[in-house]
Amino acid sequence: MAEHPSLVFHKSSYSTTRQECVEVAEFPAGAAVRDSERPGAGHLVFPAHEWAALLIIVTR
């Protein structure tokens, strides 16, 4: 997926201090996630309801 210029990525607070880091860009319709080691490889987009469900699972 091509990089979208309006997405502002930040390191996820769920990433560890080791090399397995992801970056997240949140927007009204959902969120995009990419590998911080390979940001040019693209990103995955999740609709808001899926992103919210994932965060509920991760924070339990």
PDB file of N, CA and C in Angstrom:
ATOM      1  N   MET A   1       0.845  -1.169   0.000  1.00  0.00           N
ATOM      2  CA  MET A   1       0.000   0.000   0.000  1.00  0.00           C
ATOM      3  C   MET A   1       0.893   1.235   0.000  1.00  0.00           C
ATOM      4  N   ALA A   2       0.570   2.189  -0.803  1.00  0.00           N
ATOM      5  CA  ALA A   2       1.365   3.408  -0.907  1.00  0.00           C
ATOM      6  C   ALA A   2       1.226   4.247   0.358  1.00  0.00           C
ATOM      7  N   GLU A   3       2.260   4.967   0.675  1.00  0.00           N
ATOM      8  CA  GLU A   3       2.251   5.833   1.851  1.00  0.00           C
ATOM      9  C   GLU A   3       1.275   6.979   1.624  1.00  0.00           C
ATOM     10  N   HIS A   4       0.460   7.271   2.603  1.00  0.00           N
ATOM     11  CA  HIS A   4      -0.494   8.364   2.518  1.00  0.00           C
ATOM     12  C   HIS A   4       0.092   9.545   3.266  1.00  0.00           C
ATOM     13  N   PRO A   5       0.237  10.693   2.615  1.00  0.00           N
ATOM     14  CA  PRO A   5       0.942  11.830   3.232  1.00  0.00           C
ATOM     15  C   PRO A   5       0.277  12.382   4.484  1.00  0.00           C
ATOM     16  N   SER A   6      -1.030  12.185   4.678  1.00  0.00           N
ATOM     17  CA  SER A   6      -1.680  12.756   5.853  1.00  0.00           C
ATOM     18  C   SER A   6      -1.577  11.864   7.089  1.00  0.00           C
ATOM     19  N   LEU A   7      -1.049  10.647   6.945  1.00  0.00           N
ATOM     20  CA  LEU A   7      -0.894   9.769   8.098  1.00  0.00           C
ATOM     21  C   LEU A   7       0.355  10.166   8.890  1.00  0.00           C
ATOM     22  N   VAL A   8       0.195  10.330  10.179  1.00  0.00           N
ATOM     23  CA  VAL A   8       1.303  10.673  11.066  1.00  0.00           C
ATOM     24  C   VAL A   8       1.520   9.474  11.985  1.00  0.00           C
ATOM     25  N   PHE A   9       2.606   8.749  11.767  1.00  0.00           N
ATOM     26  CA  PHE A   9       2.898   7.545  12.525  1.00  0.00           C
ATOM     27  C   PHE A   9       3.700   7.866  13.790  1.00  0.00           C
ATOM     28  N   HIS A  10       3.429   7.125  14.854  1.00  0.00           N
ATOM     29  CA  HIS A  10       4.197   7.207  16.093  1.00  0.00           C
ATOM     30  C   HIS A  10       4.429   5.784  16.595  1.00  0.00           C
ATOM     31  N   LYS A  11       5.475   5.591  17.386  1.00  0.00           N
ATOM     32  CA  LYS A  11       5.776   4.267  17.917  1.00  0.00           C
ATOM     33  C   LYS A  11       4.667   3.857  18.872  1.00  0.00           C
ATOM     34  N   SER A  12       4.184   2.647  18.720  1.00  0.00           N
ATOM     35  CA  SER A  12       3.132   2.126  19.573  1.00  0.00           C
ATOM     36  C   SER A  12       3.630   1.985  21.004  1.00  0.00           C
ATOM     37  N   SER A  13       2.791   2.335  21.950  1.00  0.00           N
ATOM     38  CA  SER A  13       3.147   2.160  23.358  1.00  0.00           C
ATOM     39  C   SER A  13       3.176   0.687  23.742  1.00  0.00           C
ATOM     40  N   TYR A  14       2.647  -0.177  22.881  1.00  0.00           N
ATOM     41  CA  TYR A  14       2.657  -1.619  23.131  1.00  0.00           C
ATOM     42  C   TYR A  14       3.916  -2.281  22.584  1.00  0.00           C
ATOM     43  N   SER A  15       4.735  -1.537  21.868  1.00  0.00           N
ATOM     44  CA  SER A  15       5.985  -2.094  21.361  1.00  0.00           C
ATOM     45  C   SER A  15       6.973  -2.261  22.502  1.00  0.00           C
ATOM     46  N   THR A  16       7.817  -3.261  22.366  1.00  0.00           N
ATOM     47  CA  THR A  16       8.829  -3.481  23.397  1.00  0.00           C
ATOM     48  C   THR A  16      10.037  -2.602  23.104  1.00  0.00           C
ATOM     49  N   THR A  17      10.980  -2.611  24.004  1.00  0.00           N
ATOM     50  CA  THR A  17      12.203  -1.836  23.804  1.00  0.00           C
ATOM     51  C   THR A  17      13.187  -2.559  22.887  1.00  0.00           C
ATOM     52  N   ARG A  18      12.856  -3.811  22.530  1.00  0.00           N
ATOM     53  CA  ARG A  18      13.714  -4.550  21.610  1.00  0.00           C
ATOM     54  C   ARG A  18      13.383  -4.127  20.178  1.00  0.00           C
ATOM     55  N   GLN A  19      13.713  -4.935  19.222  1.00  0.00           N
ATOM     56  CA  GLN A  19      13.560  -4.572  17.812  1.00  0.00           C
ATOM     57  C   GLN A  19      12.153  -4.758  17.251  1.00  0.00           C
ATOM     58  N   GLU A  20      11.239  -5.409  17.984  1.00  0.00           N
ATOM     59  CA  GLU A  20       9.931  -5.636  17.414  1.00  0.00           C
ATOM     60  C   GLU A  20       9.006  -4.454  17.641  1.00  0.00           C
ATOM     61  N   CYS A  21       9.199  -3.408  16.894  1.00  0.00           N
ATOM     62  CA  CYS A  21       8.432  -2.183  17.059  1.00  0.00           C
ATOM     63  C   CYS A  21       7.470  -1.979  15.898  1.00  0.00           C
ATOM     64  N   VAL A  22       6.290  -1.511  16.252  1.00  0.00           N
ATOM     65  CA  VAL A  22       5.342  -1.108  15.233  1.00  0.00           C
ATOM     66  C   VAL A  22       5.026   0.361  15.448  1.00  0.00           C
ATOM     67  N   GLU A  23       4.613   1.004  14.383  1.00  0.00           N
ATOM     68  CA  GLU A  23       4.188   2.393  14.446  1.00  0.00           C
ATOM     69  C   GLU A  23       2.719   2.442  14.065  1.00  0.00           C
ATOM     70  N   VAL A  24       1.999   3.369  14.696  1.00  0.00           N
ATOM     71  CA  VAL A  24       0.564   3.487  14.492  1.00  0.00           C
ATOM     72  C   VAL A  24       0.228   4.912  14.078  1.00  0.00           C
ATOM     73  N   ALA A  25      -0.703   5.033  13.138  1.00  0.00           N
ATOM     74  CA  ALA A  25      -1.264   6.331  12.757  1.00  0.00           C
ATOM     75  C   ALA A  25      -2.770   6.208  12.942  1.00  0.00           C
ATOM     76  N   GLU A  26      -3.314   6.935  13.909  1.00  0.00           N
ATOM     77  CA  GLU A  26      -4.750   6.885  14.165  1.00  0.00           C
ATOM     78  C   GLU A  26      -5.439   8.017  13.419  1.00  0.00           C
ATOM     79  N   PHE A  27      -6.631   7.731  12.915  1.00  0.00           N
ATOM     80  CA  PHE A  27      -7.429   8.720  12.209  1.00  0.00           C
ATOM     81  C   PHE A  27      -8.897   8.411  12.494  1.00  0.00           C
ATOM     82  N   PRO A  28      -9.825   9.320  12.206  1.00  0.00           N
ATOM     83  CA  PRO A  28     -11.227   9.116  12.588  1.00  0.00           C
ATOM     84  C   PRO A  28     -11.844   7.793  12.121  1.00  0.00           C
ATOM     85  N   ALA A  29     -11.484   7.315  10.970  1.00  0.00           N
ATOM     86  CA  ALA A  29     -12.093   6.087  10.442  1.00  0.00           C
ATOM     87  C   ALA A  29     -11.391   4.821  10.907  1.00  0.00           C
ATOM     88  N   GLY A  30     -10.274   4.943  11.664  1.00  0.00           N
ATOM     89  CA  GLY A  30      -9.562   3.753  12.120  1.00  0.00           C
ATOM     90  C   GLY A  30      -8.113   4.024  12.432  1.00  0.00           C
ATOM     91  N   ALA A  31      -7.247   3.079  12.031  1.00  0.00           N
ATOM     92  CA  ALA A  31      -5.818   3.207  12.310  1.00  0.00           C
ATOM     93  C   ALA A  31      -5.015   2.453  11.257  1.00  0.00           C
ATOM     94  N   ALA A  32      -3.795   2.907  11.056  1.00  0.00           N
ATOM     95  CA  ALA A  32      -2.854   2.234  10.157  1.00  0.00           C
ATOM     96  C   ALA A  32      -1.668   1.788  10.997  1.00  0.00           C
ATOM     97  N   VAL A  33      -1.126   0.627  10.668  1.00  0.00           N
ATOM     98  CA  VAL A  33      -0.007   0.054  11.416  1.00  0.00           C
ATOM     99  C   VAL A  33       1.095  -0.325  10.438  1.00  0.00           C
ATOM    100  N   ARG A  34       2.338  -0.033  10.804  1.00  0.00           N
ATOM    101  CA  ARG A  34       3.468  -0.413   9.952  1.00  0.00           C
ATOM    102  C   ARG A  34       4.647  -0.862  10.814  1.00  0.00           C
ATOM    103  N   ASP A  35       5.570  -1.549  10.179  1.00  0.00           N
ATOM    104  CA  ASP A  35       6.801  -2.013  10.826  1.00  0.00           C
ATOM    105  C   ASP A  35       7.754  -0.825  10.913  1.00  0.00           C
ATOM    106  N   SER A  36       8.220  -0.502  12.117  1.00  0.00           N
ATOM    107  CA  SER A  36       9.111   0.649  12.264  1.00  0.00           C
ATOM    108  C   SER A  36      10.476   0.413  11.623  1.00  0.00           C
ATOM    109  N   GLU A  37      10.860  -0.859  11.454  1.00  0.00           N
ATOM    110  CA  GLU A  37      12.142  -1.169  10.811  1.00  0.00           C
ATOM    111  C   GLU A  37      12.060  -1.022   9.287  1.00  0.00           C
ATOM    112  N   ARG A  38      10.849  -1.133   8.722  1.00  0.00           N
ATOM    113  CA  ARG A  38      10.662  -1.061   7.269  1.00  0.00           C
ATOM    114  C   ARG A  38       9.461  -0.172   6.936  1.00  0.00           C
ATOM    115  N   PRO A  39       9.483   1.105   7.288  1.00  0.00           N
ATOM    116  CA  PRO A  39       8.318   1.966   7.066  1.00  0.00           C
ATOM    117  C   PRO A  39       7.938   2.130   5.598  1.00  0.00           C
ATOM    118  N   GLY A  40       8.895   1.971   4.710  1.00  0.00           N
ATOM    119  CA  GLY A  40       8.607   2.100   3.288  1.00  0.00           C
ATOM    120  C   GLY A  40       7.913   0.895   2.692  1.00  0.00           C
ATOM    121  N   ALA A  41       7.788  -0.172   3.469  1.00  0.00           N
ATOM    122  CA  ALA A  41       7.150  -1.397   2.973  1.00  0.00           C
ATOM    123  C   ALA A  41       5.627  -1.294   2.966  1.00  0.00           C
ATOM    124  N   GLY A  42       5.085  -0.217   3.479  1.00  0.00           N
ATOM    125  CA  GLY A  42       3.640  -0.032   3.492  1.00  0.00           C
ATOM    126  C   GLY A  42       3.050  -0.203   4.877  1.00  0.00           C
ATOM    127  N   HIS A  43       1.735  -0.198   4.931  1.00  0.00           N
ATOM    128  CA  HIS A  43       1.037  -0.292   6.207  1.00  0.00           C
ATOM    129  C   HIS A  43      -0.277  -1.039   6.031  1.00  0.00           C
ATOM    130  N   LEU A  44      -0.810  -1.504   7.136  1.00  0.00           N
ATOM    131  CA  LEU A  44      -2.112  -2.161   7.164  1.00  0.00           C
ATOM    132  C   LEU A  44      -3.115  -1.180   7.752  1.00  0.00           C
ATOM    133  N   VAL A  45      -4.312  -1.132   7.171  1.00  0.00           N
ATOM    134  CA  VAL A  45      -5.349  -0.231   7.663  1.00  0.00           C
ATOM    135  C   VAL A  45      -6.449  -1.049   8.327  1.00  0.00           C
ATOM    136  N   PHE A  46      -6.874  -0.601   9.509  1.00  0.00           N
ATOM    137  CA  PHE A  46      -7.944  -1.251  10.251  1.00  0.00           C
ATOM    138  C   PHE A  46      -9.092  -0.270  10.441  1.00  0.00           C
ATOM    139  N   PRO A  47     -10.337  -0.660  10.123  1.00  0.00           N
ATOM    140  CA  PRO A  47     -11.494   0.195  10.401  1.00  0.00           C
ATOM    141  C   PRO A  47     -11.605   0.450  11.909  1.00  0.00           C
ATOM    142  N   ALA A  48     -12.254   1.529  12.285  1.00  0.00           N
ATOM    143  CA  ALA A  48     -12.338   1.933  13.688  1.00  0.00           C
ATOM    144  C   ALA A  48     -12.884   0.830  14.587  1.00  0.00           C
ATOM    145  N   HIS A  49     -13.914   0.105  14.174  1.00  0.00           N
ATOM    146  CA  HIS A  49     -14.491  -0.925  15.048  1.00  0.00           C
ATOM    147  C   HIS A  49     -13.516  -2.088  15.261  1.00  0.00           C
ATOM    148  N   GLU A  50     -12.726  -2.427  14.250  1.00  0.00           N
ATOM    149  CA  GLU A  50     -11.729  -3.489  14.408  1.00  0.00           C
ATOM    150  C   GLU A  50     -10.576  -3.027  15.293  1.00  0.00           C
ATOM    151  N   TRP A  51     -10.141  -1.796  15.113  1.00  0.00           N
ATOM    152  CA  TRP A  51      -9.051  -1.257  15.912  1.00  0.00           C
ATOM    153  C   TRP A  51      -9.451  -1.195  17.386  1.00  0.00           C
ATOM    154  N   ALA A  52     -10.672  -0.735  17.647  1.00  0.00           N
ATOM    155  CA  ALA A  52     -11.171  -0.664  19.027  1.00  0.00           C
ATOM    156  C   ALA A  52     -11.224  -2.051  19.663  1.00  0.00           C
ATOM    157  N   ALA A  53     -11.682  -3.051  18.902  1.00  0.00           N
ATOM    158  CA  ALA A  53     -11.737  -4.418  19.419  1.00  0.00           C
ATOM    159  C   ALA A  53     -10.340  -4.943  19.730  1.00  0.00           C
ATOM    160  N   LEU A  54      -9.386  -4.662  18.878  1.00  0.00           N
ATOM    161  CA  LEU A  54      -8.006  -5.105  19.122  1.00  0.00           C
ATOM    162  C   LEU A  54      -7.442  -4.468  20.392  1.00  0.00           C
ATOM    163  N   LEU A  55      -7.673  -3.189  20.581  1.00  0.00           N
ATOM    164  CA  LEU A  55      -7.154  -2.515  21.771  1.00  0.00           C
ATOM    165  C   LEU A  55      -7.783  -3.066  23.038  1.00  0.00           C
ATOM    166  N   ILE A  56      -9.045  -3.465  22.982  1.00  0.00           N
ATOM    167  CA  ILE A  56      -9.692  -4.073  24.152  1.00  0.00           C
ATOM    168  C   ILE A  56      -9.005  -5.377  24.492  1.00  0.00           C
ATOM    169  N   ILE A  57      -8.722  -6.187  23.484  1.00  0.00           N
ATOM    170  CA  ILE A  57      -8.066  -7.484  23.702  1.00  0.00           C
ATOM    171  C   ILE A  57      -6.659  -7.292  24.248  1.00  0.00           C
ATOM    172  N   VAL A  58      -5.907  -6.368  23.689  1.00  0.00           N
ATOM    173  CA  VAL A  58      -4.512  -6.161  24.068  1.00  0.00           C
ATOM    174  C   VAL A  58      -4.392  -5.619  25.490  1.00  0.00           C
ATOM    175  N   THR A  59      -5.340  -4.836  25.922  1.00  0.00           N
ATOM    176  CA  THR A  59      -5.234  -4.186  27.237  1.00  0.00           C
ATOM    177  C   THR A  59      -5.806  -5.037  28.362  1.00  0.00           C
ATOM    178  N   ARG A  60      -6.315  -6.203  28.064  1.00  0.00           N
ATOM    179  CA  ARG A  60      -6.853  -7.071  29.140  1.00  0.00           C
ATOM    180  C   ARG A  60      -5.756  -7.694  29.934  1.00  0.00           C
TER     181      ARG A  60
END
